[in-house]
């Protein structure tokens, strides 16, 4: 089942990270998948803005989603 992320007014890097983390937590995406797989869950009209925001923060579409989540806390 395809789950589309609800569209905020703008996709800031924090919103992108939050949505990616949510999709990983829900096991819809795996943290080792490429960032570009997020495009399936973001409305097509919003994707160019997301790409620009990722590039502005030095993320490549081929980077792993885990790179977006690198500041996530891990517990034993």
PDB file of N, CA and C in Angstrom:
ATOM      1  N   UNK A   1       0.839  -1.173   0.000  1.00  0.00           N
ATOM      2  CA  UNK A   1       0.000   0.000   0.000  1.00  0.00           C
ATOM      3  C   UNK A   1       0.886   1.239   0.000  1.00  0.00           C
ATOM      4  N   UNK A   2       0.631   2.138  -0.897  1.00  0.00           N
ATOM      5  CA  UNK A   2       1.401   3.367  -1.019  1.00  0.00           C
ATOM      6  C   UNK A   2       0.848   4.402  -0.053  1.00  0.00           C
ATOM      7  N   UNK A   3       1.724   4.911   0.794  1.00  0.00           N
ATOM      8  CA  UNK A   3       1.313   5.908   1.782  1.00  0.00           C
ATOM      9  C   UNK A   3       1.955   7.234   1.405  1.00  0.00           C
ATOM     10  N   UNK A   4       1.147   8.203   1.034  1.00  0.00           N
ATOM     11  CA  UNK A   4       1.639   9.515   0.630  1.00  0.00           C
ATOM     12  C   UNK A   4       1.791  10.386   1.875  1.00  0.00           C
ATOM     13  N   UNK A   5       2.930  11.048   1.981  1.00  0.00           N
ATOM     14  CA  UNK A   5       3.171  11.972   3.077  1.00  0.00           C
ATOM     15  C   UNK A   5       2.276  13.188   2.878  1.00  0.00           C
ATOM     16  N   UNK A   6       1.660  13.641   3.954  1.00  0.00           N
ATOM     17  CA  UNK A   6       0.845  14.847   3.854  1.00  0.00           C
ATOM     18  C   UNK A   6       1.759  16.023   3.564  1.00  0.00           C
ATOM     19  N   UNK A   7       1.327  16.885   2.704  1.00  0.00           N
ATOM     20  CA  UNK A   7       2.146  17.982   2.231  1.00  0.00           C
ATOM     21  C   UNK A   7       2.146  19.173   3.184  1.00  0.00           C
ATOM     22  N   UNK A   8       3.309  19.450   3.814  1.00  0.00           N
ATOM     23  CA  UNK A   8       3.394  20.680   4.601  1.00  0.00           C
ATOM     24  C   UNK A   8       3.515  21.863   3.647  1.00  0.00           C
ATOM     25  N   UNK A   9       3.516  23.070   4.170  1.00  0.00           N
ATOM     26  CA  UNK A   9       3.625  24.228   3.296  1.00  0.00           C
ATOM     27  C   UNK A   9       4.963  24.244   2.570  1.00  0.00           C
ATOM     28  N   UNK A  10       6.037  23.889   3.255  1.00  0.00           N
ATOM     29  CA  UNK A  10       7.345  23.763   2.615  1.00  0.00           C
ATOM     30  C   UNK A  10       8.075  22.584   3.233  1.00  0.00           C
ATOM     31  N   UNK A  11       8.902  21.968   2.439  1.00  0.00           N
ATOM     32  CA  UNK A  11       9.690  20.840   2.926  1.00  0.00           C
ATOM     33  C   UNK A  11      11.056  21.345   3.366  1.00  0.00           C
ATOM     34  N   UNK A  12      11.183  21.632   4.657  1.00  0.00           N
ATOM     35  CA  UNK A  12      12.484  21.989   5.203  1.00  0.00           C
ATOM     36  C   UNK A  12      13.259  20.695   5.427  1.00  0.00           C
ATOM     37  N   UNK A  13      14.545  20.808   5.663  1.00  0.00           N
ATOM     38  CA  UNK A  13      15.349  19.609   5.898  1.00  0.00           C
ATOM     39  C   UNK A  13      14.849  18.867   7.138  1.00  0.00           C
ATOM     40  N   UNK A  14      14.378  19.603   8.137  1.00  0.00           N
ATOM     41  CA  UNK A  14      13.853  18.952   9.341  1.00  0.00           C
ATOM     42  C   UNK A  14      12.582  18.160   9.051  1.00  0.00           C
ATOM     43  N   UNK A  15      11.724  18.701   8.210  1.00  0.00           N
ATOM     44  CA  UNK A  15      10.493  17.990   7.831  1.00  0.00           C
ATOM     45  C   UNK A  15      10.838  16.737   7.035  1.00  0.00           C
ATOM     46  N   UNK A  16      11.786  16.852   6.127  1.00  0.00           N
ATOM     47  CA  UNK A  16      12.204  15.692   5.323  1.00  0.00           C
ATOM     48  C   UNK A  16      12.771  14.607   6.226  1.00  0.00           C
ATOM     49  N   UNK A  17      13.627  14.996   7.164  1.00  0.00           N
ATOM     50  CA  UNK A  17      14.216  14.025   8.098  1.00  0.00           C
ATOM     51  C   UNK A  17      13.143  13.368   8.945  1.00  0.00           C
ATOM     52  N   UNK A  18      12.209  14.158   9.429  1.00  0.00           N
ATOM     53  CA  UNK A  18      11.123  13.640  10.262  1.00  0.00           C
ATOM     54  C   UNK A  18      10.265  12.637   9.496  1.00  0.00           C
ATOM     55  N   UNK A  19       9.916  12.978   8.262  1.00  0.00           N
ATOM     56  CA  UNK A  19       9.093  12.082   7.449  1.00  0.00           C
ATOM     57  C   UNK A  19       9.848  10.804   7.092  1.00  0.00           C
ATOM     58  N   UNK A  20      11.132  10.930   6.794  1.00  0.00           N
ATOM     59  CA  UNK A  20      11.946   9.743   6.499  1.00  0.00           C
ATOM     60  C   UNK A  20      12.019   8.836   7.726  1.00  0.00           C
ATOM     61  N   UNK A  21      12.235   9.420   8.893  1.00  0.00           N
ATOM     62  CA  UNK A  21      12.302   8.641  10.136  1.00  0.00           C
ATOM     63  C   UNK A  21      10.981   7.928  10.399  1.00  0.00           C
ATOM     64  N   UNK A  22       9.883   8.623  10.141  1.00  0.00           N
ATOM     65  CA  UNK A  22       8.556   8.026  10.343  1.00  0.00           C
ATOM     66  C   UNK A  22       8.357   6.822   9.419  1.00  0.00           C
ATOM     67  N   UNK A  23       8.737   6.961   8.155  1.00  0.00           N
ATOM     68  CA  UNK A  23       8.589   5.852   7.205  1.00  0.00           C
ATOM     69  C   UNK A  23       9.483   4.670   7.579  1.00  0.00           C
ATOM     70  N   UNK A  24      10.653   4.934   8.131  1.00  0.00           N
ATOM     71  CA  UNK A  24      11.542   3.856   8.578  1.00  0.00           C
ATOM     72  C   UNK A  24      10.954   3.184   9.820  1.00  0.00           C
ATOM     73  N   UNK A  25      10.484   3.981  10.779  1.00  0.00           N
ATOM     74  CA  UNK A  25       9.872   3.419  11.994  1.00  0.00           C
ATOM     75  C   UNK A  25       8.675   2.541  11.660  1.00  0.00           C
ATOM     76  N   UNK A  26       7.889   2.961  10.678  1.00  0.00           N
ATOM     77  CA  UNK A  26       6.711   2.186  10.267  1.00  0.00           C
ATOM     78  C   UNK A  26       7.076   1.021   9.353  1.00  0.00           C
ATOM     79  N   UNK A  27       8.360   0.866   9.085  1.00  0.00           N
ATOM     80  CA  UNK A  27       8.897  -0.209   8.239  1.00  0.00           C
ATOM     81  C   UNK A  27       8.372  -0.179   6.814  1.00  0.00           C
ATOM     82  N   UNK A  28       8.064   1.029   6.362  1.00  0.00           N
ATOM     83  CA  UNK A  28       7.658   1.223   4.980  1.00  0.00           C
ATOM     84  C   UNK A  28       8.912   1.328   4.118  1.00  0.00           C
ATOM     85  N   UNK A  29       9.925   1.986   4.661  1.00  0.00           N
ATOM     86  CA  UNK A  29      11.233   2.095   4.014  1.00  0.00           C
ATOM     87  C   UNK A  29      12.300   1.540   4.935  1.00  0.00           C
ATOM     88  N   UNK A  30      13.419   1.148   4.355  1.00  0.00           N
ATOM     89  CA  UNK A  30      14.563   0.671   5.130  1.00  0.00           C
ATOM     90  C   UNK A  30      15.629   1.753   5.112  1.00  0.00           C
ATOM     91  N   UNK A  31      16.319   1.916   6.225  1.00  0.00           N
ATOM     92  CA  UNK A  31      17.316   2.974   6.336  1.00  0.00           C
ATOM     93  C   UNK A  31      18.472   2.844   5.356  1.00  0.00           C
ATOM     94  N   UNK A  32      18.659   1.695   4.759  1.00  0.00           N
ATOM     95  CA  UNK A  32      19.740   1.512   3.784  1.00  0.00           C
ATOM     96  C   UNK A  32      19.309   1.853   2.348  1.00  0.00           C
ATOM     97  N   UNK A  33      18.032   2.128   2.150  1.00  0.00           N
ATOM     98  CA  UNK A  33      17.563   2.508   0.817  1.00  0.00           C
ATOM     99  C   UNK A  33      18.057   3.908   0.479  1.00  0.00           C
ATOM    100  N   UNK A  34      18.140   4.182  -0.803  1.00  0.00           N
ATOM    101  CA  UNK A  34      18.584   5.499  -1.258  1.00  0.00           C
ATOM    102  C   UNK A  34      17.524   6.558  -0.940  1.00  0.00           C
ATOM    103  N   UNK A  35      17.978   7.769  -0.695  1.00  0.00           N
ATOM    104  CA  UNK A  35      17.077   8.876  -0.382  1.00  0.00           C
ATOM    105  C   UNK A  35      16.033   9.070  -1.477  1.00  0.00           C
ATOM    106  N   UNK A  36      16.409   8.811  -2.725  1.00  0.00           N
ATOM    107  CA  UNK A  36      15.444   9.035  -3.816  1.00  0.00           C
ATOM    108  C   UNK A  36      14.202   8.164  -3.701  1.00  0.00           C
ATOM    109  N   UNK A  37      14.236   7.110  -2.898  1.00  0.00           N
ATOM    110  CA  UNK A  37      13.029   6.289  -2.729  1.00  0.00           C
ATOM    111  C   UNK A  37      11.934   7.050  -1.994  1.00  0.00           C
ATOM    112  N   UNK A  38      12.293   8.140  -1.340  1.00  0.00           N
ATOM    113  CA  UNK A  38      11.279   8.975  -0.688  1.00  0.00           C
ATOM    114  C   UNK A  38      10.311   9.577  -1.699  1.00  0.00           C
ATOM    115  N   UNK A  39      10.739   9.683  -2.954  1.00  0.00           N
ATOM    116  CA  UNK A  39       9.890  10.326  -3.970  1.00  0.00           C
ATOM    117  C   UNK A  39       8.572   9.587  -4.162  1.00  0.00           C
ATOM    118  N   UNK A  40       8.517   8.316  -3.799  1.00  0.00           N
ATOM    119  CA  UNK A  40       7.270   7.560  -3.908  1.00  0.00           C
ATOM    120  C   UNK A  40       6.237   8.030  -2.888  1.00  0.00           C
ATOM    121  N   UNK A  41       6.695   8.694  -1.839  1.00  0.00           N
ATOM    122  CA  UNK A  41       5.831   9.052  -0.719  1.00  0.00           C
ATOM    123  C   UNK A  41       5.620  10.552  -0.576  1.00  0.00           C
ATOM    124  N   UNK A  42       6.181  11.310  -1.483  1.00  0.00           N
ATOM    125  CA  UNK A  42       6.036  12.759  -1.488  1.00  0.00           C
ATOM    126  C   UNK A  42       5.335  13.127  -2.797  1.00  0.00           C
ATOM    127  N   UNK A  43       4.330  13.984  -2.734  1.00  0.00           N
ATOM    128  CA  UNK A  43       3.624  14.360  -3.970  1.00  0.00           C
ATOM    129  C   UNK A  43       4.597  14.859  -5.040  1.00  0.00           C
ATOM    130  N   UNK A  44       4.368  14.459  -6.269  1.00  0.00           N
ATOM    131  CA  UNK A  44       5.273  14.782  -7.386  1.00  0.00           C
ATOM    132  C   UNK A  44       5.490  16.282  -7.535  1.00  0.00           C
ATOM    133  N   UNK A  45       4.467  17.060  -7.299  1.00  0.00           N
ATOM    134  CA  UNK A  45       4.615  18.517  -7.449  1.00  0.00           C
ATOM    135  C   UNK A  45       5.540  19.107  -6.385  1.00  0.00           C
ATOM    136  N   UNK A  46       5.733  18.394  -5.271  1.00  0.00           N
ATOM    137  CA  UNK A  46       6.586  18.864  -4.178  1.00  0.00           C
ATOM    138  C   UNK A  46       8.031  18.377  -4.311  1.00  0.00           C
ATOM    139  N   UNK A  47       8.251  17.327  -5.101  1.00  0.00           N
ATOM    140  CA  UNK A  47       9.560  16.692  -5.165  1.00  0.00           C
ATOM    141  C   UNK A  47      10.688  17.641  -5.601  1.00  0.00           C
ATOM    142  N   UNK A  48      10.498  18.504  -6.591  1.00  0.00           N
ATOM    143  CA  UNK A  48      11.598  19.412  -6.957  1.00  0.00           C
ATOM    144  C   UNK A  48      12.079  20.271  -5.784  1.00  0.00           C
ATOM    145  N   UNK A  49      11.155  20.716  -4.950  1.00  0.00           N
ATOM    146  CA  UNK A  49      11.536  21.488  -3.766  1.00  0.00           C
ATOM    147  C   UNK A  49      12.297  20.653  -2.758  1.00  0.00           C
ATOM    148  N   UNK A  50      11.886  19.392  -2.621  1.00  0.00           N
ATOM    149  CA  UNK A  50      12.576  18.471  -1.716  1.00  0.00           C
ATOM    150  C   UNK A  50      14.000  18.238  -2.216  1.00  0.00           C
ATOM    151  N   UNK A  51      14.140  18.002  -3.518  1.00  0.00           N
ATOM    152  CA  UNK A  51      15.477  17.809  -4.097  1.00  0.00           C
ATOM    153  C   UNK A  51      16.375  19.009  -3.839  1.00  0.00           C
ATOM    154  N   UNK A  52      15.855  20.193  -4.026  1.00  0.00           N
ATOM    155  CA  UNK A  52      16.644  21.413  -3.801  1.00  0.00           C
ATOM    156  C   UNK A  52      17.063  21.532  -2.336  1.00  0.00           C
ATOM    157  N   UNK A  53      16.143  21.230  -1.436  1.00  0.00           N
ATOM    158  CA  UNK A  53      16.448  21.313  -0.007  1.00  0.00           C
ATOM    159  C   UNK A  53      17.516  20.292   0.383  1.00  0.00           C
ATOM    160  N   UNK A  54      17.416  19.084  -0.157  1.00  0.00           N
ATOM    161  CA  UNK A  54      18.431  18.060   0.122  1.00  0.00           C
ATOM    162  C   UNK A  54      19.797  18.503  -0.402  1.00  0.00           C
ATOM    163  N   UNK A  55      19.822  19.008  -1.619  1.00  0.00           N
ATOM    164  CA  UNK A  55      21.081  19.472  -2.210  1.00  0.00           C
ATOM    165  C   UNK A  55      21.671  20.633  -1.416  1.00  0.00           C
ATOM    166  N   UNK A  56      20.817  21.512  -0.945  1.00  0.00           N
ATOM    167  CA  UNK A  56      21.269  22.659  -0.161  1.00  0.00           C
ATOM    168  C   UNK A  56      21.976  22.232   1.125  1.00  0.00           C
ATOM    169  N   UNK A  57      21.600  21.053   1.613  1.00  0.00           N
ATOM    170  CA  UNK A  57      22.193  20.512   2.834  1.00  0.00           C
ATOM    171  C   UNK A  57      23.182  19.387   2.541  1.00  0.00           C
ATOM    172  N   UNK A  58      23.677  19.358   1.319  1.00  0.00           N
ATOM    173  CA  UNK A  58      24.729  18.431   0.890  1.00  0.00           C
ATOM    174  C   UNK A  58      24.344  16.952   0.934  1.00  0.00           C
ATOM    175  N   UNK A  59      23.081  16.648   0.687  1.00  0.00           N
ATOM    176  CA  UNK A  59      22.647  15.261   0.552  1.00  0.00           C
ATOM    177  C   UNK A  59      22.496  14.951  -0.928  1.00  0.00           C
ATOM    178  N   UNK A  60      22.956  13.769  -1.318  1.00  0.00           N
ATOM    179  CA  UNK A  60      22.781  13.287  -2.686  1.00  0.00           C
ATOM    180  C   UNK A  60      21.618  12.306  -2.704  1.00  0.00           C
ATOM    181  N   UNK A  61      20.902  12.245  -3.801  1.00  0.00           N
ATOM    182  CA  UNK A  61      19.762  11.329  -3.891  1.00  0.00           C
ATOM    183  C   UNK A  61      20.181   9.875  -3.780  1.00  0.00           C
ATOM    184  N   UNK A  62      21.421   9.583  -4.085  1.00  0.00           N
ATOM    185  CA  UNK A  62      21.901   8.195  -3.976  1.00  0.00           C
ATOM    186  C   UNK A  62      22.374   7.843  -2.568  1.00  0.00           C
ATOM    187  N   UNK A  63      22.496   8.849  -1.681  1.00  0.00           N
ATOM    188  CA  UNK A  63      22.872   8.585  -0.283  1.00  0.00           C
ATOM    189  C   UNK A  63      21.795   7.731   0.372  1.00  0.00           C
ATOM    190  N   UNK A  64      22.177   7.020   1.415  1.00  0.00           N
ATOM    191  CA  UNK A  64      21.217   6.195   2.147  1.00  0.00           C
ATOM    192  C   UNK A  64      20.352   7.047   3.058  1.00  0.00           C
ATOM    193  N   UNK A  65      19.151   6.585   3.291  1.00  0.00           N
ATOM    194  CA  UNK A  65      18.244   7.280   4.195  1.00  0.00           C
ATOM    195  C   UNK A  65      18.872   7.423   5.574  1.00  0.00           C
ATOM    196  N   UNK A  66      19.676   6.455   5.978  1.00  0.00           N
ATOM    197  CA  UNK A  66      20.313   6.525   7.294  1.00  0.00           C
ATOM    198  C   UNK A  66      21.161   7.791   7.435  1.00  0.00           C
ATOM    199  N   UNK A  67      21.655   8.324   6.327  1.00  0.00           N
ATOM    200  CA  UNK A  67      22.417   9.571   6.378  1.00  0.00           C
ATOM    201  C   UNK A  67      21.538  10.728   6.857  1.00  0.00           C
ATOM    202  N   UNK A  68      20.263  10.670   6.521  1.00  0.00           N
ATOM    203  CA  UNK A  68      19.323  11.685   7.012  1.00  0.00           C
ATOM    204  C   UNK A  68      19.038  11.505   8.499  1.00  0.00           C
ATOM    205  N   UNK A  69      19.144  10.261   8.964  1.00  0.00           N
ATOM    206  CA  UNK A  69      18.773   9.924  10.335  1.00  0.00           C
ATOM    207  C   UNK A  69      19.982   9.827  11.259  1.00  0.00           C
ATOM    208  N   UNK A  70      21.125  10.296  10.823  1.00  0.00           N
ATOM    209  CA  UNK A  70      22.368  10.071  11.547  1.00  0.00           C
ATOM    210  C   UNK A  70      22.377  10.606  12.980  1.00  0.00           C
ATOM    211  N   UNK A  71      21.541  11.570  13.278  1.00  0.00           N
ATOM    212  CA  UNK A  71      21.507  12.106  14.628  1.00  0.00           C
ATOM    213  C   UNK A  71      20.465  11.422  15.509  1.00  0.00           C
ATOM    214  N   UNK A  72      19.902  10.361  15.012  1.00  0.00           N
ATOM    215  CA  UNK A  72      18.909   9.620  15.770  1.00  0.00           C
ATOM    216  C   UNK A  72      19.592   8.926  16.943  1.00  0.00           C
ATOM    217  N   UNK A  73      18.921   8.887  18.084  1.00  0.00           N
ATOM    218  CA  UNK A  73      19.484   8.246  19.262  1.00  0.00           C
ATOM    219  C   UNK A  73      19.240   6.743  19.201  1.00  0.00           C
ATOM    220  N   UNK A  74      20.255   5.966  19.590  1.00  0.00           N
ATOM    221  CA  UNK A  74      20.166   4.522  19.602  1.00  0.00           C
ATOM    222  C   UNK A  74      20.260   4.052  21.053  1.00  0.00           C
ATOM    223  N   UNK A  75      19.425   3.133  21.413  1.00  0.00           N
ATOM    224  CA  UNK A  75      19.438   2.570  22.767  1.00  0.00           C
ATOM    225  C   UNK A  75      19.765   1.096  22.695  1.00  0.00           C
ATOM    226  N   UNK A  76      20.435   0.607  23.731  1.00  0.00           N
ATOM    227  CA  UNK A  76      20.769  -0.831  23.787  1.00  0.00           C
ATOM    228  C   UNK A  76      19.563  -1.650  24.167  1.00  0.00           C
TER     229      UNK A  76
END
